[in-house]
Amino acid sequence: MNLKRIAFLFFVLTAFSAKAQTKSDVFRPEVPVTWLGLDFSRANFIGDREKFGSESDVRHLLDAWNDLILKEPDKYDIARAIGRKKVENNLQAVKAHNSELDVLSMFSDAEKDYLHLKVSDIDEIIAGYDLSGLSGIGLMFNVESFNKTNKEGSIYVTFINLNTKEVLFSERMVAPPHGNGMRNFWGGCLFDVLEKIGSKKDGFEMWRKKYYRP
């Protein structure tokens, strides 16, 4: 086989790999998924300002919420929620991205800042990420808001083609917070979102009917 043919086959295989991930692949248990973490790019924290503390305290919380899911995998079972035996974890891109955010601009007392994102905003957020070195399907939670006033958190559950940074689909989920301390309080919201995703009538099964094509 000459070098030109080898180069052509490599190009074809690379192009196929980049386009291979589809909405339907999200629902195929044999297709690996990488958990990317909690993104706070356009998050709003409504109410309870004093309990968040200083800027460094807020930055610590962003990491703590991400670490909570990794430290308590039996409770925050990403794989079970999306019909997998396991998921890979790679939070490097999300943590690096979160570390560059102006966290003090996230605070608000305005109700309009609760449900303020559109799916097109999620597309823009993902486009701004450095996902080099990652491939296949990624799962990211884009936090829209933690609203103490309404006692509810809103999160976009986002599946991504990591080869192209195309958002395969992104769906908003809301859930109440519960628990002691700021980390665990909103960790309770994350837990309930995962429970909703994994339920037999909501979340993943509802999205399957919407997006899956055999």
C-alpha atoms as a PDB file:
ATOM      1  CA  MET A   1       0.000   0.000   0.000  1.00  0.00           C
ATOM      2  CA  ASN A   2       1.579   3.276  -1.086  1.00  0.00           C
ATOM      3  CA  LEU A   3       1.950   6.324   1.106  1.00  0.00           C
ATOM      4  CA  LYS A   4      -0.784   8.288  -0.690  1.00  0.00           C
ATOM      5  CA  ARG A   5      -3.329   5.538  -0.039  1.00  0.00           C
ATOM      6  CA  ILE A   6      -2.301   5.285   3.609  1.00  0.00           C
ATOM      7  CA  ALA A   7      -2.656   9.043   4.019  1.00  0.00           C
ATOM      8  CA  PHE A   8      -6.076   8.965   2.344  1.00  0.00           C
ATOM      9  CA  LEU A   9      -7.329   6.172   4.610  1.00  0.00           C
ATOM     10  CA  PHE A  10      -6.039   8.026   7.673  1.00  0.00           C
ATOM     11  CA  PHE A  11      -7.915  11.155   6.557  1.00  0.00           C
ATOM     12  CA  VAL A  12     -11.142   9.198   6.016  1.00  0.00           C
ATOM     13  CA  LEU A  13     -10.920   7.447   9.392  1.00  0.00           C
ATOM     14  CA  THR A  14     -10.139  10.702  11.193  1.00  0.00           C
ATOM     15  CA  ALA A  15     -13.060  12.489   9.526  1.00  0.00           C
ATOM     16  CA  PHE A  16     -15.394   9.595  10.341  1.00  0.00           C
ATOM     17  CA  SER A  17     -14.299   9.579  13.989  1.00  0.00           C
ATOM     18  CA  ALA A  18     -14.953  13.310  14.300  1.00  0.00           C
ATOM     19  CA  LYS A  19     -18.502  12.947  13.028  1.00  0.00           C
ATOM     20  CA  ALA A  20     -19.363   9.581  14.551  1.00  0.00           C
ATOM     21  CA  GLN A  21     -20.961  10.824  17.765  1.00  0.00           C
ATOM     22  CA  THR A  22     -24.686  11.491  17.397  1.00  0.00           C
ATOM     23  CA  LYS A  23     -27.655  12.178  19.663  1.00  0.00           C
ATOM     24  CA  SER A  24     -28.583   8.500  19.385  1.00  0.00           C
ATOM     25  CA  ASP A  25     -25.132   7.423  20.600  1.00  0.00           C
ATOM     26  CA  VAL A  26     -25.907   9.034  23.955  1.00  0.00           C
ATOM     27  CA  PHE A  27     -28.481   6.268  24.509  1.00  0.00           C
ATOM     28  CA  ARG A  28     -26.291   3.347  23.420  1.00  0.00           C
ATOM     29  CA  PRO A  29     -24.814   1.772  26.592  1.00  0.00           C
ATOM     30  CA  GLU A  30     -21.742   0.536  24.749  1.00  0.00           C
ATOM     31  CA  VAL A  31     -20.707   4.089  23.768  1.00  0.00           C
ATOM     32  CA  PRO A  32     -18.330   5.531  26.413  1.00  0.00           C
ATOM     33  CA  VAL A  33     -19.146   8.837  28.113  1.00  0.00           C
ATOM     34  CA  THR A  34     -16.714  11.161  29.892  1.00  0.00           C
ATOM     35  CA  TRP A  35     -17.981  13.182  32.855  1.00  0.00           C
ATOM     36  CA  LEU A  36     -16.556  16.698  32.464  1.00  0.00           C
ATOM     37  CA  GLY A  37     -17.955  18.357  35.586  1.00  0.00           C
ATOM     38  CA  LEU A  38     -19.954  21.420  36.627  1.00  0.00           C
ATOM     39  CA  ASP A  39     -19.489  24.519  34.501  1.00  0.00           C
ATOM     40  CA  PHE A  40     -20.282  27.923  36.069  1.00  0.00           C
ATOM     41  CA  SER A  41     -19.574  30.135  33.031  1.00  0.00           C
ATOM     42  CA  ARG A  42     -22.872  32.024  33.222  1.00  0.00           C
ATOM     43  CA  ALA A  43     -24.150  30.928  36.606  1.00  0.00           C
ATOM     44  CA  ASN A  44     -26.083  33.259  38.887  1.00  0.00           C
ATOM     45  CA  PHE A  45     -26.264  32.902  42.661  1.00  0.00           C
ATOM     46  CA  ILE A  46     -29.487  34.546  43.811  1.00  0.00           C
ATOM     47  CA  GLY A  47     -29.880  35.460  47.466  1.00  0.00           C
ATOM     48  CA  ASP A  48     -27.801  34.247  50.431  1.00  0.00           C
ATOM     49  CA  ARG A  49     -24.841  36.409  49.408  1.00  0.00           C
ATOM     50  CA  GLU A  50     -23.270  36.544  52.868  1.00  0.00           C
ATOM     51  CA  LYS A  51     -23.087  32.747  53.168  1.00  0.00           C
ATOM     52  CA  PHE A  52     -20.880  32.481  50.072  1.00  0.00           C
ATOM     53  CA  GLY A  53     -18.124  34.465  51.779  1.00  0.00           C
ATOM     54  CA  SER A  54     -15.118  36.035  50.057  1.00  0.00           C
ATOM     55  CA  GLU A  55     -14.001  35.653  46.461  1.00  0.00           C
ATOM     56  CA  SER A  56     -11.594  32.888  47.463  1.00  0.00           C
ATOM     57  CA  ASP A  57     -14.423  31.160  49.359  1.00  0.00           C
ATOM     58  CA  VAL A  58     -16.581  31.195  46.218  1.00  0.00           C
ATOM     59  CA  ARG A  59     -13.767  29.771  44.107  1.00  0.00           C
ATOM     60  CA  HIS A  60     -13.296  27.046  46.702  1.00  0.00           C
ATOM     61  CA  LEU A  61     -17.017  26.231  46.494  1.00  0.00           C
ATOM     62  CA  LEU A  62     -16.892  25.816  42.700  1.00  0.00           C
ATOM     63  CA  ASP A  63     -14.144  23.231  43.160  1.00  0.00           C
ATOM     64  CA  ALA A  64     -15.879  21.672  46.167  1.00  0.00           C
ATOM     65  CA  TRP A  65     -19.102  21.030  44.233  1.00  0.00           C
ATOM     66  CA  ASN A  66     -17.112  19.375  41.470  1.00  0.00           C
ATOM     67  CA  ASP A  67     -15.054  17.340  43.933  1.00  0.00           C
ATOM     68  CA  LEU A  68     -18.170  16.235  45.823  1.00  0.00           C
ATOM     69  CA  ILE A  69     -19.386  14.182  42.871  1.00  0.00           C
ATOM     70  CA  LEU A  70     -16.011  12.447  42.546  1.00  0.00           C
ATOM     71  CA  LYS A  71     -15.632  11.857  46.297  1.00  0.00           C
ATOM     72  CA  GLU A  72     -19.086  10.308  46.711  1.00  0.00           C
ATOM     73  CA  PRO A  73     -19.617   8.285  43.511  1.00  0.00           C
ATOM     74  CA  ASP A  74     -22.116   5.901  45.106  1.00  0.00           C
ATOM     75  CA  LYS A  75     -24.386   8.811  45.978  1.00  0.00           C
ATOM     76  CA  TYR A  76     -23.760  10.948  42.894  1.00  0.00           C
ATOM     77  CA  ASP A  77     -23.955   8.062  40.440  1.00  0.00           C
ATOM     78  CA  ILE A  78     -23.512   9.640  37.013  1.00  0.00           C
ATOM     79  CA  ALA A  79     -23.203   6.283  35.258  1.00  0.00           C
ATOM     80  CA  ARG A  80     -26.458   4.886  36.623  1.00  0.00           C
ATOM     81  CA  ALA A  81     -28.352   8.047  35.729  1.00  0.00           C
ATOM     82  CA  ILE A  82     -27.380   7.756  32.048  1.00  0.00           C
ATOM     83  CA  GLY A  83     -27.607   3.989  31.671  1.00  0.00           C
ATOM     84  CA  ARG A  84     -23.906   3.174  31.828  1.00  0.00           C
ATOM     85  CA  LYS A  85     -21.916   0.700  33.913  1.00  0.00           C
ATOM     86  CA  LYS A  86     -19.245   3.362  34.331  1.00  0.00           C
ATOM     87  CA  VAL A  87     -18.159   6.753  33.048  1.00  0.00           C
ATOM     88  CA  GLU A  88     -14.691   8.201  32.661  1.00  0.00           C
ATOM     89  CA  ASN A  89     -13.894  11.317  34.703  1.00  0.00           C
ATOM     90  CA  ASN A  90     -11.912  14.220  33.278  1.00  0.00           C
ATOM     91  CA  LEU A  91     -12.590  17.538  35.004  1.00  0.00           C
ATOM     92  CA  GLN A  92      -9.389  19.270  33.959  1.00  0.00           C
ATOM     93  CA  ALA A  93     -10.982  21.445  31.252  1.00  0.00           C
ATOM     94  CA  VAL A  94     -13.923  22.494  33.430  1.00  0.00           C
ATOM     95  CA  LYS A  95     -11.810  23.316  36.462  1.00  0.00           C
ATOM     96  CA  ALA A  96      -9.387  25.361  34.364  1.00  0.00           C
ATOM     97  CA  HIS A  97     -12.302  27.199  32.753  1.00  0.00           C
ATOM     98  CA  ASN A  98     -14.015  27.890  36.088  1.00  0.00           C
ATOM     99  CA  SER A  99     -10.773  29.228  37.564  1.00  0.00           C
ATOM    100  CA  GLU A 100     -10.793  32.088  35.039  1.00  0.00           C
ATOM    101  CA  LEU A 101     -14.324  33.283  35.835  1.00  0.00           C
ATOM    102  CA  ASP A 102     -15.241  36.549  37.546  1.00  0.00           C
ATOM    103  CA  VAL A 103     -17.054  34.850  40.413  1.00  0.00           C
ATOM    104  CA  LEU A 104     -18.143  38.073  42.140  1.00  0.00           C
ATOM    105  CA  SER A 105     -20.222  39.005  39.086  1.00  0.00           C
ATOM    106  CA  MET A 106     -22.369  35.918  39.602  1.00  0.00           C
ATOM    107  CA  PHE A 107     -24.331  37.342  42.533  1.00  0.00           C
ATOM    108  CA  SER A 108     -27.805  38.767  42.015  1.00  0.00           C
ATOM    109  CA  ASP A 109     -31.064  39.476  43.792  1.00  0.00           C
ATOM    110  CA  ALA A 110     -33.081  39.791  40.564  1.00  0.00           C
ATOM    111  CA  GLU A 111     -35.639  37.100  39.766  1.00  0.00           C
ATOM    112  CA  LYS A 112     -35.015  37.604  36.036  1.00  0.00           C
ATOM    113  CA  ASP A 113     -31.545  36.120  36.552  1.00  0.00           C
ATOM    114  CA  TYR A 114     -32.959  32.739  37.565  1.00  0.00           C
ATOM    115  CA  LEU A 115     -33.958  31.129  34.229  1.00  0.00           C
ATOM    116  CA  HIS A 116     -31.912  33.314  31.925  1.00  0.00           C
ATOM    117  CA  LEU A 117     -30.099  30.929  29.583  1.00  0.00           C
ATOM    118  CA  LYS A 118     -31.094  29.508  26.203  1.00  0.00           C
ATOM    119  CA  VAL A 119     -29.692  26.442  24.456  1.00  0.00           C
ATOM    120  CA  SER A 120     -27.838  28.786  22.092  1.00  0.00           C
ATOM    121  CA  ASP A 121     -26.025  30.171  25.156  1.00  0.00           C
ATOM    122  CA  ILE A 122     -24.874  26.657  26.010  1.00  0.00           C
ATOM    123  CA  ASP A 123     -23.507  26.319  22.464  1.00  0.00           C
ATOM    124  CA  GLU A 124     -21.470  29.496  23.026  1.00  0.00           C
ATOM    125  CA  ILE A 125     -20.160  28.273  26.364  1.00  0.00           C
ATOM    126  CA  ILE A 126     -18.967  24.969  24.902  1.00  0.00           C
ATOM    127  CA  ALA A 127     -17.392  26.740  21.929  1.00  0.00           C
ATOM    128  CA  GLY A 128     -15.213  28.653  24.387  1.00  0.00           C
ATOM    129  CA  TYR A 129     -13.793  25.505  25.974  1.00  0.00           C
ATOM    130  CA  ASP A 130     -10.446  23.885  25.324  1.00  0.00           C
ATOM    131  CA  LEU A 131     -11.379  20.210  24.944  1.00  0.00           C
ATOM    132  CA  SER A 132      -8.201  19.171  23.141  1.00  0.00           C
ATOM    133  CA  GLY A 133      -7.124  15.627  23.879  1.00  0.00           C
ATOM    134  CA  LEU A 134     -10.679  14.464  24.589  1.00  0.00           C
ATOM    135  CA  SER A 135     -12.772  12.330  22.265  1.00  0.00           C
ATOM    136  CA  GLY A 136     -16.134  10.570  22.160  1.00  0.00           C
ATOM    137  CA  ILE A 137     -19.123  11.867  24.124  1.00  0.00           C
ATOM    138  CA  GLY A 138     -18.787  14.251  27.045  1.00  0.00           C
ATOM    139  CA  LEU A 139     -21.343  15.108  29.718  1.00  0.00           C
ATOM    140  CA  MET A 140     -21.265  18.527  31.380  1.00  0.00           C
ATOM    141  CA  PHE A 141     -23.641  20.211  33.808  1.00  0.00           C
ATOM    142  CA  ASN A 142     -23.927  23.920  32.989  1.00  0.00           C
ATOM    143  CA  VAL A 143     -25.190  25.602  36.148  1.00  0.00           C
ATOM    144  CA  GLU A 144     -27.709  28.299  35.241  1.00  0.00           C
ATOM    145  CA  SER A 145     -28.516  29.435  38.775  1.00  0.00           C
ATOM    146  CA  PHE A 146     -28.657  28.510  42.411  1.00  0.00           C
ATOM    147  CA  ASN A 147     -31.686  30.450  43.659  1.00  0.00           C
ATOM    148  CA  LYS A 148     -31.996  30.546  47.453  1.00  0.00           C
ATOM    149  CA  THR A 149     -34.988  32.891  47.198  1.00  0.00           C
ATOM    150  CA  ASN A 150     -37.040  30.296  45.317  1.00  0.00           C
ATOM    151  CA  LYS A 151     -35.197  27.370  46.895  1.00  0.00           C
ATOM    152  CA  GLU A 152     -34.415  25.873  43.508  1.00  0.00           C
ATOM    153  CA  GLY A 153     -31.413  25.275  41.297  1.00  0.00           C
ATOM    154  CA  SER A 154     -31.413  25.174  37.499  1.00  0.00           C
ATOM    155  CA  ILE A 155     -28.881  23.172  35.501  1.00  0.00           C
ATOM    156  CA  TYR A 156     -28.489  22.391  31.804  1.00  0.00           C
ATOM    157  CA  VAL A 157     -27.540  18.751  31.251  1.00  0.00           C
ATOM    158  CA  THR A 158     -25.334  18.874  28.174  1.00  0.00           C
ATOM    159  CA  PHE A 159     -24.016  16.057  25.977  1.00  0.00           C
ATOM    160  CA  ILE A 160     -21.127  17.007  23.695  1.00  0.00           C
ATOM    161  CA  ASN A 161     -19.327  15.496  20.724  1.00  0.00           C
ATOM    162  CA  LEU A 162     -15.836  15.986  22.129  1.00  0.00           C
ATOM    163  CA  ASN A 163     -14.219  15.540  18.725  1.00  0.00           C
ATOM    164  CA  THR A 164     -15.979  18.601  17.297  1.00  0.00           C
ATOM    165  CA  LYS A 165     -17.324  20.488  20.371  1.00  0.00           C
ATOM    166  CA  GLU A 166     -20.819  20.136  18.877  1.00  0.00           C
ATOM    167  CA  VAL A 167     -23.557  20.132  21.527  1.00  0.00           C
ATOM    168  CA  LEU A 168     -25.537  16.966  20.797  1.00  0.00           C
ATOM    169  CA  PHE A 169     -28.342  18.188  23.051  1.00  0.00           C
ATOM    170  CA  SER A 170     -28.798  20.191  26.238  1.00  0.00           C
ATOM    171  CA  GLU A 171     -31.828  20.023  28.531  1.00  0.00           C
ATOM    172  CA  ARG A 172     -32.708  22.159  31.548  1.00  0.00           C
ATOM    173  CA  MET A 173     -33.383  20.387  34.863  1.00  0.00           C
ATOM    174  CA  VAL A 174     -34.504  22.047  38.108  1.00  0.00           C
ATOM    175  CA  ALA A 175     -34.418  20.691  41.646  1.00  0.00           C
ATOM    176  CA  PRO A 176     -34.517  21.969  45.244  1.00  0.00           C
ATOM    177  CA  PRO A 177     -31.432  22.250  47.466  1.00  0.00           C
ATOM    178  CA  HIS A 178     -31.150  20.442  50.791  1.00  0.00           C
ATOM    179  CA  GLY A 179     -28.405  19.660  53.273  1.00  0.00           C
ATOM    180  CA  ASN A 180     -26.186  21.352  55.833  1.00  0.00           C
ATOM    181  CA  GLY A 181     -23.567  23.899  54.800  1.00  0.00           C
ATOM    182  CA  MET A 182     -23.201  25.607  51.431  1.00  0.00           C
ATOM    183  CA  ARG A 183     -21.450  22.683  49.729  1.00  0.00           C
ATOM    184  CA  ASN A 184     -23.970  20.066  50.804  1.00  0.00           C
ATOM    185  CA  PHE A 185     -26.989  22.389  50.462  1.00  0.00           C
ATOM    186  CA  TRP A 186     -26.521  22.798  46.721  1.00  0.00           C
ATOM    187  CA  GLY A 187     -25.029  19.324  46.529  1.00  0.00           C
ATOM    188  CA  GLY A 188     -28.551  18.193  47.421  1.00  0.00           C
ATOM    189  CA  CYS A 189     -29.798  19.940  44.295  1.00  0.00           C
ATOM    190  CA  LEU A 190     -27.200  18.100  42.204  1.00  0.00           C
ATOM    191  CA  PHE A 191     -28.284  14.809  43.751  1.00  0.00           C
ATOM    192  CA  ASP A 192     -31.935  15.441  42.924  1.00  0.00           C
ATOM    193  CA  VAL A 193     -31.073  16.392  39.339  1.00  0.00           C
ATOM    194  CA  LEU A 194     -29.276  13.056  38.948  1.00  0.00           C
ATOM    195  CA  GLU A 195     -32.261  11.257  40.461  1.00  0.00           C
ATOM    196  CA  LYS A 196     -34.562  12.953  37.940  1.00  0.00           C
ATOM    197  CA  ILE A 197     -32.266  12.045  35.052  1.00  0.00           C
ATOM    198  CA  GLY A 198     -32.231   8.397  36.152  1.00  0.00           C
ATOM    199  CA  SER A 199     -35.970   8.056  36.804  1.00  0.00           C
ATOM    200  CA  LYS A 200     -38.017   5.812  34.528  1.00  0.00           C
ATOM    201  CA  LYS A 201     -40.429   8.548  33.462  1.00  0.00           C
ATOM    202  CA  ASP A 202     -38.314  11.710  33.372  1.00  0.00           C
ATOM    203  CA  GLY A 203     -34.883  12.764  32.246  1.00  0.00           C
ATOM    204  CA  PHE A 204     -32.953  10.158  30.306  1.00  0.00           C
ATOM    205  CA  GLU A 205     -35.961   8.084  29.238  1.00  0.00           C
ATOM    206  CA  MET A 206     -37.868  11.178  28.140  1.00  0.00           C
ATOM    207  CA  TRP A 207     -34.850  12.359  26.138  1.00  0.00           C
ATOM    208  CA  ARG A 208     -34.537   8.909  24.561  1.00  0.00           C
ATOM    209  CA  LYS A 209     -38.019   9.266  23.087  1.00  0.00           C
ATOM    210  CA  LYS A 210     -37.131  12.739  21.859  1.00  0.00           C
ATOM    211  CA  TYR A 211     -33.685  12.136  20.372  1.00  0.00           C
ATOM    212  CA  TYR A 212     -32.989   8.441  19.800  1.00  0.00           C
ATOM    213  CA  ARG A 213     -33.159   7.110  16.257  1.00  0.00           C
ATOM    214  CA  PRO A 214     -32.329   3.391  15.717  1.00  0.00           C
END
